[in-house]
Protein backbone atom coordinates (compact mmCIF):
# COMPACT_ATOMS: atom_id res chain seq x y z
CA MET A 1 13.44 53.54 -30.36
CA ASP A 2 10.42 55.81 -29.91
CA VAL A 3 9.33 57.25 -26.58
CA GLU A 4 6.39 54.80 -26.28
CA SER A 5 8.68 51.76 -26.53
CA TRP A 6 11.11 53.32 -24.08
CA LEU A 7 8.32 53.97 -21.57
CA ALA A 8 6.92 50.45 -22.01
CA ALA A 9 10.24 49.07 -20.73
CA ARG A 10 9.89 51.28 -17.61
CA ALA A 11 6.44 50.38 -16.29
CA GLY A 12 4.86 52.91 -18.65
CA ILE A 13 5.83 56.09 -16.78
CA ALA A 14 8.96 58.18 -16.27
CA HIS A 15 10.00 61.58 -14.97
CA ARG A 16 10.45 64.20 -17.66
CA ASP A 17 14.14 64.61 -16.71
CA GLU A 18 14.74 60.90 -17.36
CA VAL A 19 12.96 61.19 -20.70
CA GLY A 20 15.25 64.05 -21.64
CA ARG A 21 18.39 62.23 -20.52
CA ALA A 22 17.33 59.28 -22.68
CA GLY A 23 17.63 61.52 -25.71
CA PHE A 24 14.00 62.35 -26.42
CA THR A 25 13.46 66.00 -27.28
CA ALA A 26 10.62 68.11 -25.95
CA GLY A 27 9.29 68.29 -29.49
CA ALA A 28 9.21 64.50 -29.87
CA VAL A 29 7.35 64.15 -26.58
CA ALA A 30 4.90 66.89 -27.58
CA ASP A 31 4.21 65.12 -30.88
CA ALA A 32 3.50 61.86 -29.02
CA VAL A 33 1.17 63.68 -26.62
CA ARG A 34 -0.76 65.34 -29.46
CA ALA A 35 -1.13 61.96 -31.16
CA GLY A 36 -2.48 60.43 -27.93
CA ARG A 37 0.33 57.90 -27.70
CA VAL A 38 1.54 59.27 -24.35
CA ARG A 39 0.23 61.78 -21.82
CA ARG A 40 1.66 64.21 -19.35
CA ILE A 41 0.81 63.99 -15.63
CA ARG A 42 1.18 67.09 -13.46
CA ARG A 43 3.66 68.46 -16.06
CA VAL A 44 6.37 66.30 -14.44
CA TRP A 45 5.62 62.78 -15.63
CA VAL A 46 5.30 61.25 -19.08
CA ALA A 47 3.20 58.10 -19.23
CA LEU A 48 1.58 55.64 -21.55
CA PRO A 49 -2.24 55.78 -21.57
CA ARG A 50 -2.27 52.42 -19.79
CA GLY A 51 0.82 52.46 -17.62
CA ASP A 52 1.38 50.85 -14.23
CA GLY A 53 -1.75 51.58 -12.17
CA ASP A 54 -0.02 52.11 -8.81
CA LEU A 55 2.61 54.42 -10.27
CA ILE A 56 0.10 56.37 -12.34
CA ARG A 57 -2.09 56.90 -9.26
CA ALA A 58 0.89 58.09 -7.22
CA ALA A 59 1.94 60.53 -9.97
CA GLU A 60 -1.58 61.90 -10.40
CA LEU A 61 -1.97 62.54 -6.67
CA GLY A 62 1.54 63.88 -6.08
CA GLY A 63 2.60 61.03 -3.80
CA ARG A 64 4.72 57.89 -3.81
CA VAL A 65 3.77 54.22 -3.59
CA ALA A 66 4.27 53.24 0.05
CA CYS A 67 4.06 50.65 2.82
CA LEU A 68 2.43 47.34 1.84
CA SER A 69 2.12 48.44 -1.78
CA VAL A 70 5.93 48.63 -1.87
CA ALA A 71 6.15 45.24 -0.15
CA ARG A 72 3.90 43.67 -2.77
CA ARG A 73 5.83 45.22 -5.66
CA ARG A 74 9.20 44.14 -4.27
CA GLY A 75 8.07 40.58 -3.60
CA TRP A 76 8.14 40.65 0.21
CA TRP A 77 5.97 37.94 1.76
CA ILE A 78 2.73 39.31 3.18
CA PRO A 79 0.51 37.08 5.38
CA GLU A 80 -2.63 36.20 3.46
CA GLN A 81 -4.93 37.57 6.16
CA VAL A 82 -3.57 41.08 5.59
CA ASP A 83 -5.82 43.31 3.48
CA VAL A 84 -3.44 44.93 1.00
CA GLN A 85 -5.12 48.21 0.04
CA PRO A 86 -3.27 50.79 -2.04
CA HIS A 87 -0.87 52.79 0.15
CA LEU A 88 0.58 56.17 -0.79
CA HIS A 89 3.03 58.47 0.97
CA PHE A 90 2.57 62.25 0.84
CA ARG A 91 4.68 65.13 2.12
CA PRO A 92 3.65 65.99 5.68
CA ASN A 93 2.96 69.61 4.70
CA GLY A 94 1.19 68.66 1.49
CA ARG A 95 -2.44 69.21 0.63
CA ALA A 96 -4.88 66.41 1.43
CA VAL A 97 -6.24 64.67 -1.65
CA PRO A 98 -9.16 62.25 -2.07
CA PHE A 99 -7.72 58.75 -2.22
CA ASP A 100 -9.40 55.35 -1.97
CA GLY A 101 -6.67 53.72 0.07
CA VAL A 102 -4.29 54.37 2.97
CA SER A 103 -2.41 57.68 3.13
CA HIS A 104 0.85 58.20 5.04
CA TRP A 105 1.81 61.77 5.92
CA THR A 106 5.29 61.47 7.40
CA LYS A 107 8.70 63.03 6.95
CA PRO A 108 10.81 60.54 4.95
CA LEU A 109 13.55 58.67 6.77
CA SER A 110 15.60 58.25 3.62
CA PRO A 111 15.67 60.62 0.63
CA VAL A 112 14.80 59.21 -2.79
CA SER A 113 15.24 60.59 -6.26
CA PRO A 114 12.56 63.01 -7.49
CA ALA A 115 12.28 60.62 -10.43
CA SER A 116 11.16 57.75 -8.17
CA LEU A 117 7.50 56.99 -7.49
CA LEU A 118 8.39 54.46 -4.78
CA GLU A 119 9.32 55.39 -1.23
CA SER A 120 12.55 53.99 0.22
CA VAL A 121 12.83 50.51 1.73
CA GLU A 122 13.35 52.05 5.18
CA ASP A 123 10.23 54.21 4.91
CA ALA A 124 8.20 51.26 3.65
CA LEU A 125 9.34 49.20 6.66
CA ALA A 126 8.50 52.04 9.05
CA HIS A 127 4.99 52.35 7.63
CA ILE A 128 4.49 48.58 7.72
CA ALA A 129 5.46 48.52 11.40
CA SER A 130 2.77 51.11 12.09
CA CYS A 131 0.08 49.60 9.85
CA LEU A 132 0.26 45.95 10.94
CA ASP A 133 0.24 44.15 14.26
CA ARG A 134 3.65 43.14 15.55
CA GLU A 135 3.49 39.54 14.34
CA ALA A 136 2.51 40.38 10.76
CA ALA A 137 4.97 43.28 10.63
CA LEU A 138 7.85 41.03 11.69
CA VAL A 139 6.92 38.53 8.97
CA VAL A 140 7.14 41.24 6.32
CA TRP A 141 10.34 42.71 7.80
CA GLU A 142 12.07 39.30 7.82
CA SER A 143 11.03 38.76 4.21
CA ALA A 144 12.41 42.19 3.29
CA ILE A 145 15.73 41.31 4.93
CA ARG A 146 16.01 38.22 2.71
CA SER A 147 14.75 39.87 -0.47
CA GLU A 148 16.80 43.05 -0.14
CA ASN A 149 19.88 41.47 1.46
CA LEU A 150 19.59 43.87 4.39
CA SER A 151 21.87 43.87 7.41
CA THR A 152 20.14 43.67 10.78
CA ASP A 153 22.89 45.88 12.23
CA ALA A 154 22.17 48.51 9.58
CA LEU A 155 18.46 48.35 10.34
CA ARG A 156 19.09 48.88 14.03
CA ALA A 157 21.25 51.90 13.21
CA VAL A 158 18.38 53.65 11.41
CA ARG A 159 16.95 56.56 13.39
CA TRP A 160 13.41 55.24 13.46
CA ARG A 161 10.78 57.77 14.44
CA SER A 162 8.17 55.38 15.79
CA ARG A 163 8.33 52.95 18.67
CA ALA A 164 6.77 50.21 16.51
CA SER A 165 9.50 50.37 13.86
CA ALA A 166 12.30 50.60 16.45
CA GLU A 167 10.95 47.50 18.18
CA CYS A 168 10.72 45.59 14.89
CA ALA A 169 14.32 46.54 14.11
CA ALA A 170 15.41 45.29 17.53
CA GLU A 171 13.57 41.99 17.18
CA VAL A 172 14.34 40.80 13.63
CA ASN A 173 17.33 38.51 13.24
CA GLY A 174 17.47 37.73 9.51
CA LEU A 175 17.48 33.98 10.15
CA SER A 176 13.98 33.06 8.99
CA ASP A 177 13.94 31.09 5.76
CA SER A 178 10.23 31.76 5.22
CA GLY A 179 7.28 33.72 6.54
CA LEU A 180 6.00 30.54 8.18
CA GLU A 181 9.19 30.34 10.19
CA THR A 182 8.81 33.91 11.42
CA LEU A 183 5.19 33.26 12.44
CA ALA A 184 6.23 30.17 14.37
CA ILE A 185 9.19 31.74 16.11
CA VAL A 186 7.18 34.79 17.19
CA ARG A 187 4.38 32.66 18.60
CA LEU A 188 6.50 29.96 20.22
CA SER A 189 9.04 32.35 21.75
CA ARG A 190 6.37 33.45 24.21
CA TRP A 191 6.72 30.09 25.93
CA GLY A 192 10.23 30.89 27.15
CA VAL A 193 11.68 27.62 25.82
CA PRO A 194 15.05 28.03 24.00
CA ILE A 195 14.54 28.01 20.23
CA ARG A 196 17.22 28.19 17.54
CA GLN A 197 16.69 28.75 13.82
CA GLN A 198 18.40 27.35 10.72
CA LEU A 199 20.74 25.15 12.72
CA TYR A 200 22.65 22.49 10.75
CA LEU A 201 21.95 18.98 11.98
CA ALA A 202 23.00 15.83 10.17
CA GLY A 203 24.35 17.89 7.29
CA HIS A 204 21.24 19.98 6.56
CA PRO A 205 19.54 23.01 8.16
CA VAL A 206 16.43 22.59 10.25
CA ASP A 207 13.84 25.35 10.57
CA LEU A 208 13.56 25.29 14.36
CA LEU A 209 15.29 23.39 17.12
CA ILE A 210 13.39 23.65 20.40
CA GLY A 211 15.57 22.88 23.39
CA ASP A 212 18.16 20.27 22.47
CA ARG A 213 16.15 17.57 20.68
CA LEU A 214 12.83 18.78 19.25
CA VAL A 215 13.04 19.64 15.54
CA VAL A 216 10.18 21.52 13.86
CA GLN A 217 10.13 21.65 10.05
CA LEU A 218 7.74 23.97 8.20
CA ASP A 219 6.84 23.25 4.60
CA GLY A 220 6.04 26.40 2.61
CA PHE A 221 3.20 26.86 0.15
CA ALA A 222 5.34 25.78 -2.82
CA HIS A 223 7.30 23.16 -0.90
CA HIS A 224 8.04 19.73 -2.34
CA SER A 225 7.67 20.72 -5.95
CA THR A 226 9.49 17.53 -6.92
CA SER A 227 9.64 13.98 -5.68
CA LYS A 228 13.39 14.46 -5.23
CA ASP A 229 12.80 17.24 -2.69
CA ARG A 230 10.32 15.13 -0.75
CA THR A 231 12.69 12.15 -0.71
CA ARG A 232 15.56 14.31 0.54
CA ASP A 233 13.45 15.67 3.40
CA LEU A 234 12.22 12.23 4.44
CA ARG A 235 15.77 10.92 4.40
CA HIS A 236 16.92 13.81 6.59
CA ASP A 237 13.98 13.30 9.00
CA ALA A 238 14.88 9.62 9.32
CA GLU A 239 18.53 10.42 10.01
CA LEU A 240 17.57 12.91 12.70
CA ARG A 241 15.34 10.34 14.41
CA LEU A 242 18.17 7.81 14.36
CA ARG A 243 20.33 10.39 16.10
CA GLY A 244 17.78 10.82 18.88
CA TYR A 245 15.80 13.85 17.70
CA THR A 246 12.02 14.13 17.63
CA VAL A 247 10.93 15.60 14.29
CA LEU A 248 7.59 17.37 13.76
CA ARG A 249 6.78 18.53 10.23
CA PHE A 250 3.88 20.89 9.45
CA SER A 251 2.40 22.11 6.18
CA TYR A 252 1.64 25.66 5.07
CA ALA A 253 -2.10 25.04 5.52
CA GLN A 254 -1.61 23.80 9.07
CA VAL A 255 0.45 26.82 10.15
CA ILE A 256 -1.76 29.40 8.43
CA HIS A 257 -5.21 27.91 8.95
CA ASP A 258 -4.91 25.57 11.95
CA TRP A 259 -2.25 27.07 14.21
CA PRO A 260 -3.94 26.01 17.49
CA ALA A 261 -3.53 22.35 16.48
CA VAL A 262 0.11 22.95 15.55
CA GLU A 263 0.76 24.71 18.84
CA ARG A 264 -1.00 21.94 20.76
CA THR A 265 1.12 19.24 19.10
CA ILE A 266 4.38 21.06 19.86
CA GLY A 267 3.20 21.71 23.41
CA ARG A 268 2.46 18.02 23.93
CA ALA A 269 5.96 17.14 22.68
CA ILE A 270 7.51 19.59 25.14
CA ALA A 271 5.32 18.23 27.96
CA ALA A 272 6.66 14.76 27.16
CA GLY A 273 10.24 16.03 27.37
CA ALA A 274 10.96 15.56 23.65
CA HIS A 275 13.00 18.77 23.67
CA LEU A 276 15.38 17.55 26.36
CA ALA A 277 18.70 15.85 25.71
C-alpha cells in the first residue's frame, strides 16, 4: 500500500509520527510530496491535496476541531435552528489566527493525543454548553450520552470550568430516546407536573408519562419507516387507551415548527385532568 492509499483510509490526513509507525519512510513521503500526491502541513501533518476540509483547516491553523463541529462529525443530534459554523479550539496562550468561524481559547479539560485533530468529548460538551442556550445544549448533550455511551455519573464527576457546563451535567439524565424528547421534557418540566421518561406501559416504552395517566409520544423525523412500525404503535396506543390512559402523539414537524400548538394541546389535557389516576 502506498502512502496516498493509507491516508485516504484516514480522512486524508495524519500526523507524521503515525505515518512513520505505519512503515512509510521519510524518503517515501518526500517522493510523494515532490510528485504532488501528498503535501506537508506545518511540518507535522501529511495530507492528501483534497483531504477532510475540517481537519485540514485545523492542521493549517494549529488548532483542533471543536464544539458543534465535533458534534456534527460524531453524529450527535443538533437542533435544526442552530447555525453550525466551523468551530476550532486553540491553546489559550497561542497566537490569534484569522479564522472564518468560532474560536475557543480554553485550557483543555481532557488531554488528547498530539496526533488527534479533534478535541475530546468532554471539551466539546463544555464548549457546546457555552455556545448554545440551555435547551439546545441539553439536546446535544443527551444525544452525546446515547451516541458515546456516556455515564451521567461520570459526566457529573468532571471538573467543569464553566457554570453552564456544570449545570448541563447536573441536569442530563440519559433517558431521552431522541432530541425531540429532550426538547419536550425541558419545556414541559417548567410546569411543575411530574413527568417520567421511557416508562414501560403495556409491554412497550412510552416517551413521556405526565402524572399518572397522560402519555405523550413523539415521532422522530425518520419515524414510521415501515407500515409494520406504524401498526405496532397504533396497537400500543389502543391498548393504553383500553387501560385508561390518554395518549397524545405528535410528529417531528409539530414539535419543531409548531410547539405552541403542542404545548396548548398538552395543557388542555392537563386542565381536563387527563393526567390524574
